[in-house]
Amino acid sequence: MSKHNIIAGIVTVLFLGAIIGLNVFSFLPATAWYAFNLNISPFSYEVDINRQGLFYHDKPYDWNDQSQSRDVMFISFGLILVSFVFSCICILITLVALFKRVHKKVRKSLFVMSILVFLANGLASLLFLRFNKALCNDLPSLPLPAGSTGPLNGSDICNKFKGSYADGILTWGPGIGWICSVVAFGISFFTIFLCSKILKTKKFGYHVIP
């Protein structure tokens, strides 16, 4: 295998490893995907929203069974899981190719799966943009801190994915989980080109003599 192919294979492994790491972190139960801060003197609330539900005052609050917010979040989680599975398969194929020549059909599968990883991360990020509207619909049934429902109802949270209200009394926006999914989306875009290069290479991988 040529030096350029080795470099392409190693970079592909690094990119796929980064996507897997970001997917795992996004999927962790305690990783916040959305949050809002409420500052009403003398109280200050920071509410993180993750896979388990709402978290504030060092205490978790489970989702309501009819929660639209949970449904939106779980769709994104499902897509993140799809990305994780295909990324793991892709990285295994690429690692094998660093030691043994892989058939063209396998390389085609690698390319197709890299596209699926890109689409899964992209959809997970884009579909989550509906979360603020779902949260707005869930406000009456959410276990929110005392005094927070009024400012939330008076804000533009129903129309803006990220924003603030009343000179910073209330701020809301995406958490680190969603940001990781966006970063994975960007990395997976470049991974497609790397896998395309692997596909177009006539002989990719070492030929192992039995």
Protein backbone atom coordinates (compact mmCIF):
# COMPACT_ATOMS: atom_id res chain seq x y z
CA MET A 1 0.00 0.00 0.00
CA SER A 2 1.35 3.42 -0.97
CA LYS A 3 2.31 6.10 1.52
CA HIS A 4 -0.66 8.25 0.46
CA ASN A 5 -3.08 5.38 1.07
CA ILE A 6 -1.61 4.77 4.52
CA ILE A 7 -2.05 8.45 5.40
CA ALA A 8 -5.62 8.42 4.06
CA GLY A 9 -6.39 5.32 6.12
CA ILE A 10 -4.91 6.73 9.33
CA VAL A 11 -6.70 10.09 8.93
CA THR A 12 -9.97 8.25 8.25
CA VAL A 13 -9.50 6.22 11.44
CA LEU A 14 -8.82 9.40 13.43
CA PHE A 15 -11.89 11.15 12.01
CA LEU A 16 -14.13 8.15 12.64
CA GLY A 17 -12.71 7.83 16.15
CA ALA A 18 -13.58 11.47 16.79
CA ILE A 19 -17.14 10.91 15.56
CA ILE A 20 -17.52 7.85 17.79
CA GLY A 21 -16.22 9.76 20.80
CA LEU A 22 -18.58 12.67 20.16
CA ASN A 23 -21.52 10.30 19.68
CA VAL A 24 -20.77 8.49 22.93
CA PHE A 25 -20.51 11.75 24.88
CA SER A 26 -23.75 13.06 23.33
CA PHE A 27 -25.55 9.85 24.27
CA LEU A 28 -24.48 9.82 27.93
CA PRO A 29 -27.48 10.18 30.29
CA ALA A 30 -26.03 13.20 32.09
CA THR A 31 -24.99 15.15 28.97
CA ALA A 32 -27.13 18.29 28.67
CA TRP A 33 -28.67 18.90 25.24
CA TYR A 34 -30.58 22.01 26.25
CA ALA A 35 -30.54 24.39 29.20
CA PHE A 36 -32.02 27.58 30.53
CA ASN A 37 -30.93 29.93 33.28
CA LEU A 38 -33.34 31.95 35.37
CA ASN A 39 -32.16 34.77 37.61
CA ILE A 40 -34.93 36.10 39.83
CA SER A 41 -33.62 37.78 42.96
CA PRO A 42 -32.83 36.25 45.39
CA PHE A 43 -32.94 32.95 43.47
CA SER A 44 -30.93 31.68 40.52
CA TYR A 45 -31.83 28.51 38.64
CA GLU A 46 -29.83 26.59 36.07
CA VAL A 47 -31.87 23.82 34.49
CA ASP A 48 -30.12 21.23 32.32
CA ILE A 49 -32.20 19.02 30.06
CA ASN A 50 -30.74 15.63 29.20
CA ARG A 51 -31.79 12.11 28.25
CA GLN A 52 -33.13 11.42 31.75
CA GLY A 53 -35.21 14.59 31.98
CA LEU A 54 -34.66 17.88 33.79
CA PHE A 55 -31.85 18.43 36.26
CA TYR A 56 -31.61 21.28 38.76
CA HIS A 57 -30.79 21.74 42.45
CA ASP A 58 -28.61 18.60 42.13
CA LYS A 59 -31.71 16.52 41.57
CA PRO A 60 -33.10 14.80 38.41
CA TYR A 61 -36.74 15.07 37.37
CA ASP A 62 -38.02 12.41 34.97
CA TRP A 63 -39.83 13.13 31.73
CA ASN A 64 -43.61 13.13 31.58
CA ASP A 65 -44.93 10.14 29.59
CA GLN A 66 -46.69 12.50 27.15
CA SER A 67 -43.74 14.87 26.77
CA GLN A 68 -43.18 16.21 23.25
CA SER A 69 -39.74 17.41 24.34
CA ARG A 70 -38.72 13.87 25.22
CA ASP A 71 -39.94 12.60 21.84
CA VAL A 72 -37.87 15.19 19.96
CA MET A 73 -34.81 14.43 22.06
CA PHE A 74 -35.15 10.66 21.70
CA ILE A 75 -35.39 10.93 17.90
CA SER A 76 -32.04 12.72 17.92
CA PHE A 77 -30.64 10.09 20.30
CA GLY A 78 -31.79 7.33 17.94
CA LEU A 79 -29.99 8.98 15.04
CA ILE A 80 -26.86 9.43 17.15
CA LEU A 81 -26.99 5.69 17.89
CA VAL A 82 -27.27 4.95 14.15
CA SER A 83 -24.21 7.13 13.53
CA PHE A 84 -22.30 5.36 16.30
CA VAL A 85 -23.02 1.88 14.91
CA PHE A 86 -22.04 2.72 11.32
CA SER A 87 -18.97 4.64 12.48
CA CYS A 88 -17.80 1.60 14.44
CA ILE A 89 -18.23 -0.62 11.37
CA CYS A 90 -16.39 1.92 9.20
CA ILE A 91 -13.46 2.20 11.58
CA LEU A 92 -13.15 -1.60 11.78
CA ILE A 93 -13.06 -1.88 7.97
CA THR A 94 -10.45 0.87 7.74
CA LEU A 95 -8.29 -0.71 10.45
CA VAL A 96 -8.44 -4.07 8.67
CA ALA A 97 -7.40 -2.33 5.44
CA LEU A 98 -4.24 -1.08 7.13
CA PHE A 99 -3.11 -4.71 7.45
CA LYS A 100 -4.98 -6.59 4.75
CA ARG A 101 -6.28 -5.72 1.30
CA VAL A 102 -10.05 -5.20 1.23
CA HIS A 103 -12.34 -6.04 -1.67
CA LYS A 104 -13.89 -3.25 -3.71
CA LYS A 105 -17.39 -4.24 -2.55
CA VAL A 106 -16.28 -3.72 1.04
CA ARG A 107 -14.87 -0.31 0.11
CA LYS A 108 -18.20 0.57 -1.52
CA SER A 109 -19.95 -0.40 1.70
CA LEU A 110 -17.50 1.81 3.61
CA PHE A 111 -18.36 4.76 1.38
CA VAL A 112 -22.12 4.20 1.69
CA MET A 113 -21.89 3.90 5.47
CA SER A 114 -19.86 7.12 5.67
CA ILE A 115 -22.76 8.87 3.92
CA LEU A 116 -25.21 7.32 6.40
CA VAL A 117 -23.05 8.58 9.29
CA PHE A 118 -23.16 12.06 7.78
CA LEU A 119 -26.94 11.95 7.31
CA ALA A 120 -27.57 10.55 10.81
CA ASN A 121 -25.52 13.26 12.53
CA GLY A 122 -27.03 15.96 10.32
CA LEU A 123 -30.60 14.88 11.00
CA ALA A 124 -29.90 14.53 14.73
CA SER A 125 -28.67 18.13 14.81
CA LEU A 126 -31.33 19.62 12.54
CA LEU A 127 -34.35 17.82 13.98
CA PHE A 128 -33.36 18.94 17.47
CA LEU A 129 -33.94 22.54 16.36
CA ARG A 130 -37.64 21.81 17.04
CA PHE A 131 -36.91 21.24 20.73
CA ASN A 132 -37.75 24.75 21.92
CA LYS A 133 -41.24 24.54 20.38
CA ALA A 134 -41.81 21.13 21.96
CA LEU A 135 -40.59 22.50 25.29
CA CYS A 136 -43.01 25.40 24.93
CA ASN A 137 -45.91 22.98 24.49
CA ASP A 138 -44.78 20.98 27.53
CA LEU A 139 -44.43 23.94 29.92
CA PRO A 140 -47.69 23.30 31.84
CA SER A 141 -46.67 19.72 32.67
CA LEU A 142 -42.91 20.09 33.24
CA PRO A 143 -41.53 19.86 36.82
CA LEU A 144 -40.02 23.36 36.69
CA PRO A 145 -38.59 25.39 39.58
CA ALA A 146 -41.01 27.67 41.41
CA GLY A 147 -41.47 31.02 39.69
CA SER A 148 -39.99 29.98 36.36
CA THR A 149 -43.20 29.32 34.41
CA GLY A 150 -44.14 33.02 34.19
CA PRO A 151 -40.89 34.24 32.57
CA LEU A 152 -40.83 31.24 30.25
CA ASN A 153 -44.38 31.92 29.07
CA GLY A 154 -43.56 35.58 28.53
CA SER A 155 -40.39 34.89 26.53
CA ASP A 156 -39.80 34.01 22.87
CA ILE A 157 -38.72 30.47 23.69
CA CYS A 158 -41.52 29.15 21.47
CA ASN A 159 -40.03 30.92 18.44
CA LYS A 160 -36.29 31.08 19.13
CA PHE A 161 -33.99 28.09 19.63
CA LYS A 162 -31.57 30.30 21.56
CA GLY A 163 -32.24 33.64 23.21
CA SER A 164 -32.79 35.73 26.31
CA TYR A 165 -35.62 37.61 27.98
CA ALA A 166 -35.93 40.70 30.17
CA ASP A 167 -32.28 41.81 30.11
CA GLY A 168 -30.91 38.37 30.89
CA ILE A 169 -33.35 37.35 33.62
CA LEU A 170 -33.99 34.29 31.46
CA THR A 171 -31.58 32.76 28.94
CA TRP A 172 -31.99 29.52 27.02
CA GLY A 173 -30.20 27.56 24.34
CA PRO A 174 -28.52 24.30 23.30
CA GLY A 175 -26.19 22.37 25.57
CA ILE A 176 -22.92 20.55 24.96
CA GLY A 177 -24.70 17.41 23.71
CA TRP A 178 -26.21 19.19 20.71
CA ILE A 179 -22.94 21.03 20.03
CA CYS A 180 -21.12 17.68 19.92
CA SER A 181 -23.65 16.37 17.39
CA VAL A 182 -23.02 19.43 15.19
CA VAL A 183 -19.24 18.91 15.40
CA ALA A 184 -19.70 15.22 14.52
CA PHE A 185 -21.83 16.34 11.56
CA GLY A 186 -19.00 18.55 10.32
CA ILE A 187 -16.33 15.88 10.75
CA SER A 188 -18.48 13.26 9.01
CA PHE A 189 -18.71 15.56 5.97
CA PHE A 190 -14.94 15.35 5.48
CA THR A 191 -15.00 11.62 6.23
CA ILE A 192 -17.13 11.10 3.11
CA PHE A 193 -14.32 12.50 0.95
CA LEU A 194 -11.74 10.29 2.67
CA CYS A 195 -13.88 7.19 2.14
CA SER A 196 -14.43 8.26 -1.47
CA LYS A 197 -10.66 8.34 -1.93
CA ILE A 198 -10.42 4.84 -0.46
CA LEU A 199 -13.16 3.65 -2.84
CA LYS A 200 -11.40 5.06 -5.92
CA THR A 201 -8.06 3.51 -4.99
CA LYS A 202 -7.51 0.43 -7.16
CA LYS A 203 -5.69 -1.49 -4.45
CA PHE A 204 -6.32 -0.31 -0.93
CA GLY A 205 -4.79 -2.28 1.93
CA TYR A 206 -1.85 -4.61 2.29
CA HIS A 207 -1.86 -7.96 0.52
CA VAL A 208 -1.12 -10.55 3.17
CA ILE A 209 0.66 -13.66 1.85
CA PRO A 210 -0.79 -16.80 3.51
